[in-house]
Amino acid sequence: MMYNILTSNINEIGKKALELPARDRALLIRQLLESLEEGEEEENAEELWIDEANSRYNRFKQGKTSEKPANEVLEKAKANLK
């Protein structure tokens, strides 16, 4: 029963999408495809970056790292890329 309702909703959405101008349909397609690409990997990556940021912040608060001005760090990074 639930499957029929879901299929009905998908069909209705599809009909409405086909009524959109070509440009809007293309944008909708892009958004749907991007949502498939993101998936769990992106959620996991975001979680890992949050954990890393928290870890770095905690080390900084505990005095286990040193601070440097952002412009100094960026200049060093640029020099390393050359």
PDB file of N, CA and C in Angstrom:
ATOM      1  N   MET A   1       0.822  -1.194   0.000  1.00  0.00           N
ATOM      2  CA  MET A   1       0.000   0.000   0.000  1.00  0.00           C
ATOM      3  C   MET A   1       0.870   1.264   0.000  1.00  0.00           C
ATOM      4  N   MET A   2       1.893   1.288   0.877  1.00  0.00           N
ATOM      5  CA  MET A   2       2.794   2.443   0.961  1.00  0.00           C
ATOM      6  C   MET A   2       3.508   2.663  -0.373  1.00  0.00           C
ATOM      7  N   TYR A   3       3.879   1.566  -1.038  1.00  0.00           N
ATOM      8  CA  TYR A   3       4.567   1.642  -2.327  1.00  0.00           C
ATOM      9  C   TYR A   3       3.710   2.355  -3.357  1.00  0.00           C
ATOM     10  N   ASN A   4       2.402   2.072  -3.376  1.00  0.00           N
ATOM     11  CA  ASN A   4       1.493   2.705  -4.326  1.00  0.00           C
ATOM     12  C   ASN A   4       1.396   4.209  -4.080  1.00  0.00           C
ATOM     13  N   ILE A   5       1.377   4.603  -2.816  1.00  0.00           N
ATOM     14  CA  ILE A   5       1.312   6.026  -2.477  1.00  0.00           C
ATOM     15  C   ILE A   5       2.589   6.723  -2.923  1.00  0.00           C
ATOM     16  N   LEU A   6       3.721   6.092  -2.651  1.00  0.00           N
ATOM     17  CA  LEU A   6       5.007   6.664  -3.045  1.00  0.00           C
ATOM     18  C   LEU A   6       5.107   6.785  -4.553  1.00  0.00           C
ATOM     19  N   THR A   7       4.716   5.737  -5.263  1.00  0.00           N
ATOM     20  CA  THR A   7       4.750   5.753  -6.725  1.00  0.00           C
ATOM     21  C   THR A   7       3.836   6.838  -7.268  1.00  0.00           C
ATOM     22  N   SER A   8       2.672   6.981  -6.657  1.00  0.00           N
ATOM     23  CA  SER A   8       1.726   8.015  -7.071  1.00  0.00           C
ATOM     24  C   SER A   8       2.323   9.404  -6.876  1.00  0.00           C
ATOM     25  N   ASN A   9       2.975   9.622  -5.727  1.00  0.00           N
ATOM     26  CA  ASN A   9       3.612  10.914  -5.460  1.00  0.00           C
ATOM     27  C   ASN A   9       4.725  11.190  -6.462  1.00  0.00           C
ATOM     28  N   ILE A  10       5.526  10.184  -6.754  1.00  0.00           N
ATOM     29  CA  ILE A  10       6.620  10.354  -7.713  1.00  0.00           C
ATOM     30  C   ILE A  10       6.070  10.690  -9.094  1.00  0.00           C
ATOM     31  N   ASN A  11       5.025  10.008  -9.498  1.00  0.00           N
ATOM     32  CA  ASN A  11       4.408  10.296 -10.794  1.00  0.00           C
ATOM     33  C   ASN A  11       3.871  11.721 -10.851  1.00  0.00           C
ATOM     34  N   GLU A  12       3.248  12.172  -9.777  1.00  0.00           N
ATOM     35  CA  GLU A  12       2.700  13.530  -9.712  1.00  0.00           C
ATOM     36  C   GLU A  12       3.822  14.566  -9.793  1.00  0.00           C
ATOM     37  N   ILE A  13       4.891  14.324  -9.056  1.00  0.00           N
ATOM     38  CA  ILE A  13       6.048  15.231  -9.091  1.00  0.00           C
ATOM     39  C   ILE A  13       6.636  15.257 -10.499  1.00  0.00           C
ATOM     40  N   GLY A  14       6.740  14.090 -11.117  1.00  0.00           N
ATOM     41  CA  GLY A  14       7.267  14.007 -12.482  1.00  0.00           C
ATOM     42  C   GLY A  14       6.434  14.800 -13.467  1.00  0.00           C
ATOM     43  N   LYS A  15       5.116  14.689 -13.365  1.00  0.00           N
ATOM     44  CA  LYS A  15       4.225  15.437 -14.264  1.00  0.00           C
ATOM     45  C   LYS A  15       4.421  16.936 -14.088  1.00  0.00           C
ATOM     46  N   LYS A  16       4.513  17.368 -12.827  1.00  0.00           N
ATOM     47  CA  LYS A  16       4.706  18.801 -12.560  1.00  0.00           C
ATOM     48  C   LYS A  16       6.068  19.268 -13.068  1.00  0.00           C
ATOM     49  N   ALA A  17       7.088  18.423 -12.902  1.00  0.00           N
ATOM     50  CA  ALA A  17       8.428  18.780 -13.357  1.00  0.00           C
ATOM     51  C   ALA A  17       8.449  18.948 -14.872  1.00  0.00           C
ATOM     52  N   LEU A  18       7.715  18.105 -15.587  1.00  0.00           N
ATOM     53  CA  LEU A  18       7.684  18.194 -17.048  1.00  0.00           C
ATOM     54  C   LEU A  18       6.986  19.446 -17.546  1.00  0.00           C
ATOM     55  N   GLU A  19       6.222  20.092 -16.696  1.00  0.00           N
ATOM     56  CA  GLU A  19       5.554  21.336 -17.067  1.00  0.00           C
ATOM     57  C   GLU A  19       6.481  22.548 -16.929  1.00  0.00           C
ATOM     58  N   LEU A  20       7.620  22.358 -16.274  1.00  0.00           N
ATOM     59  CA  LEU A  20       8.569  23.454 -16.079  1.00  0.00           C
ATOM     60  C   LEU A  20       9.260  23.810 -17.394  1.00  0.00           C
ATOM     61  N   PRO A  21       9.726  25.052 -17.519  1.00  0.00           N
ATOM     62  CA  PRO A  21      10.540  25.423 -18.673  1.00  0.00           C
ATOM     63  C   PRO A  21      11.825  24.589 -18.688  1.00  0.00           C
ATOM     64  N   ALA A  22      12.404  24.438 -19.864  1.00  0.00           N
ATOM     65  CA  ALA A  22      13.592  23.591 -20.042  1.00  0.00           C
ATOM     66  C   ALA A  22      14.714  23.979 -19.076  1.00  0.00           C
ATOM     67  N   ARG A  23      14.940  25.271 -18.891  1.00  0.00           N
ATOM     68  CA  ARG A  23      16.021  25.725 -18.002  1.00  0.00           C
ATOM     69  C   ARG A  23      15.789  25.256 -16.559  1.00  0.00           C
ATOM     70  N   ASP A  24      14.547  25.354 -16.098  1.00  0.00           N
ATOM     71  CA  ASP A  24      14.224  24.923 -14.739  1.00  0.00           C
ATOM     72  C   ASP A  24      14.327  23.406 -14.594  1.00  0.00           C
ATOM     73  N   ARG A  25      13.928  22.672 -15.654  1.00  0.00           N
ATOM     74  CA  ARG A  25      14.072  21.213 -15.604  1.00  0.00           C
ATOM     75  C   ARG A  25      15.541  20.825 -15.521  1.00  0.00           C
ATOM     76  N   ALA A  26      16.386  21.524 -16.261  1.00  0.00           N
ATOM     77  CA  ALA A  26      17.823  21.238 -16.218  1.00  0.00           C
ATOM     78  C   ALA A  26      18.387  21.509 -14.827  1.00  0.00           C
ATOM     79  N   LEU A  27      17.966  22.599 -14.211  1.00  0.00           N
ATOM     80  CA  LEU A  27      18.414  22.924 -12.855  1.00  0.00           C
ATOM     81  C   LEU A  27      17.953  21.852 -11.873  1.00  0.00           C
ATOM     82  N   LEU A  28      16.714  21.397 -12.017  1.00  0.00           N
ATOM     83  CA  LEU A  28      16.183  20.344 -11.153  1.00  0.00           C
ATOM     84  C   LEU A  28      16.977  19.052 -11.322  1.00  0.00           C
ATOM     85  N   ILE A  29      17.297  18.706 -12.548  1.00  0.00           N
ATOM     86  CA  ILE A  29      18.091  17.504 -12.815  1.00  0.00           C
ATOM     87  C   ILE A  29      19.452  17.612 -12.148  1.00  0.00           C
ATOM     88  N   ARG A  30      20.087  18.770 -12.289  1.00  0.00           N
ATOM     89  CA  ARG A  30      21.404  18.969 -11.674  1.00  0.00           C
ATOM     90  C   ARG A  30      21.322  18.805 -10.156  1.00  0.00           C
ATOM     91  N   GLN A  31      20.310  19.398  -9.547  1.00  0.00           N
ATOM     92  CA  GLN A  31      20.152  19.297  -8.097  1.00  0.00           C
ATOM     93  C   GLN A  31      19.927  17.854  -7.662  1.00  0.00           C
ATOM     94  N   LEU A  32      19.124  17.127  -8.404  1.00  0.00           N
ATOM     95  CA  LEU A  32      18.863  15.728  -8.060  1.00  0.00           C
ATOM     96  C   LEU A  32      20.123  14.881  -8.201  1.00  0.00           C
ATOM     97  N   LEU A  33      20.872  15.098  -9.283  1.00  0.00           N
ATOM     98  CA  LEU A  33      22.110  14.340  -9.477  1.00  0.00           C
ATOM     99  C   LEU A  33      23.133  14.658  -8.396  1.00  0.00           C
ATOM    100  N   GLU A  34      23.256  15.928  -8.038  1.00  0.00           N
ATOM    101  CA  GLU A  34      24.195  16.303  -6.980  1.00  0.00           C
ATOM    102  C   GLU A  34      23.804  15.677  -5.647  1.00  0.00           C
ATOM    103  N   SER A  35      22.507  15.571  -5.404  1.00  0.00           N
ATOM    104  CA  SER A  35      22.073  14.965  -4.149  1.00  0.00           C
ATOM    105  C   SER A  35      22.437  13.485  -4.099  1.00  0.00           C
ATOM    106  N   LEU A  36      22.480  12.835  -5.244  1.00  0.00           N
ATOM    107  CA  LEU A  36      22.888  11.424  -5.290  1.00  0.00           C
ATOM    108  C   LEU A  36      24.384  11.285  -5.083  1.00  0.00           C
ATOM    109  N   GLU A  37      25.153  12.227  -5.611  1.00  0.00           N
ATOM    110  CA  GLU A  37      26.611  12.169  -5.493  1.00  0.00           C
ATOM    111  C   GLU A  37      27.074  12.431  -4.065  1.00  0.00           C
ATOM    112  N   GLU A  38      26.364  13.291  -3.354  1.00  0.00           N
ATOM    113  CA  GLU A  38      26.773  13.643  -2.001  1.00  0.00           C
ATOM    114  C   GLU A  38      26.697  12.436  -1.082  1.00  0.00           C
ATOM    115  N   GLY A  39      25.541  11.880  -0.948  1.00  0.00           N
ATOM    116  CA  GLY A  39      25.333  10.670  -0.182  1.00  0.00           C
ATOM    117  C   GLY A  39      26.009  10.631   1.172  1.00  0.00           C
ATOM    118  N   GLU A  40      26.305   9.436   1.619  1.00  0.00           N
ATOM    119  CA  GLU A  40      26.875   9.218   2.940  1.00  0.00           C
ATOM    120  C   GLU A  40      28.330   9.649   3.020  1.00  0.00           C
ATOM    121  N   GLU A  41      29.051   9.569   1.925  1.00  0.00           N
ATOM    122  CA  GLU A  41      30.467   9.938   1.959  1.00  0.00           C
ATOM    123  C   GLU A  41      30.647  11.369   2.427  1.00  0.00           C
ATOM    124  N   GLU A  42      29.817  12.269   1.918  1.00  0.00           N
ATOM    125  CA  GLU A  42      29.945  13.671   2.304  1.00  0.00           C
ATOM    126  C   GLU A  42      29.578  13.862   3.774  1.00  0.00           C
ATOM    127  N   GLU A  43      28.534  13.172   4.221  1.00  0.00           N
ATOM    128  CA  GLU A  43      28.149  13.278   5.624  1.00  0.00           C
ATOM    129  C   GLU A  43      29.285  12.793   6.513  1.00  0.00           C
ATOM    130  N   ASN A  44      29.897  11.683   6.133  1.00  0.00           N
ATOM    131  CA  ASN A  44      31.001  11.128   6.904  1.00  0.00           C
ATOM    132  C   ASN A  44      32.198  12.077   6.868  1.00  0.00           C
ATOM    133  N   ALA A  45      32.490  12.650   5.720  1.00  0.00           N
ATOM    134  CA  ALA A  45      33.611  13.576   5.599  1.00  0.00           C
ATOM    135  C   ALA A  45      33.379  14.805   6.465  1.00  0.00           C
ATOM    136  N   GLU A  46      32.169  15.310   6.462  1.00  0.00           N
ATOM    137  CA  GLU A  46      31.866  16.491   7.284  1.00  0.00           C
ATOM    138  C   GLU A  46      32.056  16.175   8.768  1.00  0.00           C
ATOM    139  N   GLU A  47      31.598  15.011   9.162  1.00  0.00           N
ATOM    140  CA  GLU A  47      31.759  14.587  10.554  1.00  0.00           C
ATOM    141  C   GLU A  47      33.238  14.473  10.917  1.00  0.00           C
ATOM    142  N   LEU A  48      34.033  13.921  10.011  1.00  0.00           N
ATOM    143  CA  LEU A  48      35.463  13.790  10.261  1.00  0.00           C
ATOM    144  C   LEU A  48      36.140  15.149  10.376  1.00  0.00           C
ATOM    145  N   TRP A  49      35.744  16.116   9.531  1.00  0.00           N
ATOM    146  CA  TRP A  49      36.332  17.454   9.606  1.00  0.00           C
ATOM    147  C   TRP A  49      35.952  18.151  10.908  1.00  0.00           C
ATOM    148  N   ILE A  50      34.725  17.946  11.359  1.00  0.00           N
ATOM    149  CA  ILE A  50      34.302  18.536  12.634  1.00  0.00           C
ATOM    150  C   ILE A  50      35.136  17.957  13.769  1.00  0.00           C
ATOM    151  N   ASP A  51      35.338  16.643  13.749  1.00  0.00           N
ATOM    152  CA  ASP A  51      36.163  16.002  14.776  1.00  0.00           C
ATOM    153  C   ASP A  51      37.586  16.548  14.743  1.00  0.00           C
ATOM    154  N   GLU A  52      38.134  16.706  13.542  1.00  0.00           N
ATOM    155  CA  GLU A  52      39.503  17.220  13.408  1.00  0.00           C
ATOM    156  C   GLU A  52      39.592  18.654  13.921  1.00  0.00           C
ATOM    157  N   ALA A  53      38.619  19.484  13.569  1.00  0.00           N
ATOM    158  CA  ALA A  53      38.609  20.880  14.034  1.00  0.00           C
ATOM    159  C   ALA A  53      38.536  20.940  15.556  1.00  0.00           C
ATOM    160  N   ASN A  54      37.683  20.113  16.142  1.00  0.00           N
ATOM    161  CA  ASN A  54      37.580  20.083  17.606  1.00  0.00           C
ATOM    162  C   ASN A  54      38.889  19.635  18.237  1.00  0.00           C
ATOM    163  N   SER A  55      39.513  18.645  17.649  1.00  0.00           N
ATOM    164  CA  SER A  55      40.784  18.144  18.164  1.00  0.00           C
ATOM    165  C   SER A  55      41.867  19.226  18.113  1.00  0.00           C
ATOM    166  N   ARG A  56      41.935  19.924  16.986  1.00  0.00           N
ATOM    167  CA  ARG A  56      42.931  20.998  16.837  1.00  0.00           C
ATOM    168  C   ARG A  56      42.667  22.122  17.833  1.00  0.00           C
ATOM    169  N   TYR A  57      41.399  22.468  18.005  1.00  0.00           N
ATOM    170  CA  TYR A  57      41.048  23.537  18.943  1.00  0.00           C
ATOM    171  C   TYR A  57      41.418  23.141  20.373  1.00  0.00           C
ATOM    172  N   ASN A  58      41.131  21.901  20.726  1.00  0.00           N
ATOM    173  CA  ASN A  58      41.475  21.433  22.074  1.00  0.00           C
ATOM    174  C   ASN A  58      42.985  21.450  22.304  1.00  0.00           C
ATOM    175  N   ARG A  59      43.763  21.041  21.298  1.00  0.00           N
ATOM    176  CA  ARG A  59      45.229  21.088  21.432  1.00  0.00           C
ATOM    177  C   ARG A  59      45.705  22.528  21.595  1.00  0.00           C
ATOM    178  N   PHE A  60      45.082  23.443  20.871  1.00  0.00           N
ATOM    179  CA  PHE A  60      45.433  24.856  20.972  1.00  0.00           C
ATOM    180  C   PHE A  60      45.125  25.381  22.374  1.00  0.00           C
ATOM    181  N   LYS A  61      43.921  25.075  22.885  1.00  0.00           N
ATOM    182  CA  LYS A  61      43.537  25.536  24.223  1.00  0.00           C
ATOM    183  C   LYS A  61      44.469  24.989  25.295  1.00  0.00           C
ATOM    184  N   GLN A  62      44.988  23.795  25.086  1.00  0.00           N
ATOM    185  CA  GLN A  62      45.880  23.165  26.059  1.00  0.00           C
ATOM    186  C   GLN A  62      47.331  23.628  25.902  1.00  0.00           C
ATOM    187  N   GLY A  63      47.571  24.519  24.936  1.00  0.00           N
ATOM    188  CA  GLY A  63      48.918  25.034  24.722  1.00  0.00           C
ATOM    189  C   GLY A  63      49.843  24.059  24.027  1.00  0.00           C
ATOM    190  N   LYS A  64      49.276  23.070  23.360  1.00  0.00           N
ATOM    191  CA  LYS A  64      50.101  22.067  22.684  1.00  0.00           C
ATOM    192  C   LYS A  64      50.452  22.453  21.251  1.00  0.00           C
ATOM    193  N   THR A  65      49.916  23.565  20.786  1.00  0.00           N
ATOM    194  CA  THR A  65      50.240  24.084  19.451  1.00  0.00           C
ATOM    195  C   THR A  65      50.508  25.567  19.564  1.00  0.00           C
ATOM    196  N   SER A  66      51.095  26.114  18.533  1.00  0.00           N
ATOM    197  CA  SER A  66      51.354  27.553  18.551  1.00  0.00           C
ATOM    198  C   SER A  66      50.466  28.236  17.519  1.00  0.00           C
ATOM    199  N   GLU A  67      50.205  29.491  17.758  1.00  0.00           N
ATOM    200  CA  GLU A  67      49.384  30.245  16.823  1.00  0.00           C
ATOM    201  C   GLU A  67      50.282  31.039  15.890  1.00  0.00           C
ATOM    202  N   LYS A  68      49.791  31.232  14.667  1.00  0.00           N
ATOM    203  CA  LYS A  68      50.502  32.030  13.675  1.00  0.00           C
ATOM    204  C   LYS A  68      49.470  32.879  12.956  1.00  0.00           C
ATOM    205  N   PRO A  69      49.849  34.088  12.549  1.00  0.00           N
ATOM    206  CA  PRO A  69      48.923  34.934  11.792  1.00  0.00           C
ATOM    207  C   PRO A  69      48.559  34.257  10.465  1.00  0.00           C
ATOM    208  N   ALA A  70      47.309  34.411  10.059  1.00  0.00           N
ATOM    209  CA  ALA A  70      46.830  33.772   8.835  1.00  0.00           C
ATOM    210  C   ALA A  70      47.650  34.176   7.617  1.00  0.00           C
ATOM    211  N   ASN A  71      48.024  35.465   7.524  1.00  0.00           N
ATOM    212  CA  ASN A  71      48.784  35.900   6.349  1.00  0.00           C
ATOM    213  C   ASN A  71      50.141  35.209   6.271  1.00  0.00           C
ATOM    214  N   GLU A  72      50.750  34.923   7.431  1.00  0.00           N
ATOM    215  CA  GLU A  72      52.025  34.204   7.453  1.00  0.00           C
ATOM    216  C   GLU A  72      51.846  32.767   6.947  1.00  0.00           C
ATOM    217  N   VAL A  73      50.808  32.138   7.396  1.00  0.00           N
ATOM    218  CA  VAL A  73      50.528  30.764   6.969  1.00  0.00           C
ATOM    219  C   VAL A  73      50.248  30.717   5.478  1.00  0.00           C
ATOM    220  N   LEU A  74      49.444  31.660   4.973  1.00  0.00           N
ATOM    221  CA  LEU A  74      49.114  31.686   3.544  1.00  0.00           C
ATOM    222  C   LEU A  74      50.336  31.955   2.684  1.00  0.00           C
ATOM    223  N   GLU A  75      51.193  32.872   3.115  1.00  0.00           N
ATOM    224  CA  GLU A  75      52.418  33.164   2.365  1.00  0.00           C
ATOM    225  C   GLU A  75      53.319  31.933   2.297  1.00  0.00           C
ATOM    226  N   LYS A  76      53.435  31.229   3.394  1.00  0.00           N
ATOM    227  CA  LYS A  76      54.258  30.013   3.414  1.00  0.00           C
ATOM    228  C   LYS A  76      53.670  28.957   2.487  1.00  0.00           C
ATOM    229  N   ALA A  77      52.354  28.830   2.507  1.00  0.00           N
ATOM    230  CA  ALA A  77      51.679  27.858   1.635  1.00  0.00           C
ATOM    231  C   ALA A  77      51.916  28.205   0.159  1.00  0.00           C
ATOM    232  N   LYS A  78      51.806  29.487  -0.172  1.00  0.00           N
ATOM    233  CA  LYS A  78      52.046  29.927  -1.558  1.00  0.00           C
ATOM    234  C   LYS A  78      53.469  29.633  -1.978  1.00  0.00           C
ATOM    235  N   ALA A  79      54.417  29.893  -1.077  1.00  0.00           N
ATOM    236  CA  ALA A  79      55.827  29.628  -1.378  1.00  0.00           C
ATOM    237  C   ALA A  79      56.069  28.155  -1.611  1.00  0.00           C
ATOM    238  N   ASN A  80      55.405  27.297  -0.860  1.00  0.00           N
ATOM    239  CA  ASN A  80      55.560  25.856  -1.035  1.00  0.00           C
ATOM    240  C   ASN A  80      54.975  25.350  -2.341  1.00  0.00           C
ATOM    241  N   LEU A  81      54.002  26.071  -2.890  1.00  0.00           N
ATOM    242  CA  LEU A  81      53.382  25.668  -4.136  1.00  0.00           C
ATOM    243  C   LEU A  81      54.230  26.019  -5.362  1.00  0.00           C
ATOM    244  N   LYS A  82      55.178  26.933  -5.181  1.00  0.00           N
ATOM    245  CA  LYS A  82      56.003  27.365  -6.319  1.00  0.00           C
ATOM    246  C   LYS A  82      57.076  26.382  -6.633  1.00  0.00           C
TER     247      LYS A  82
END
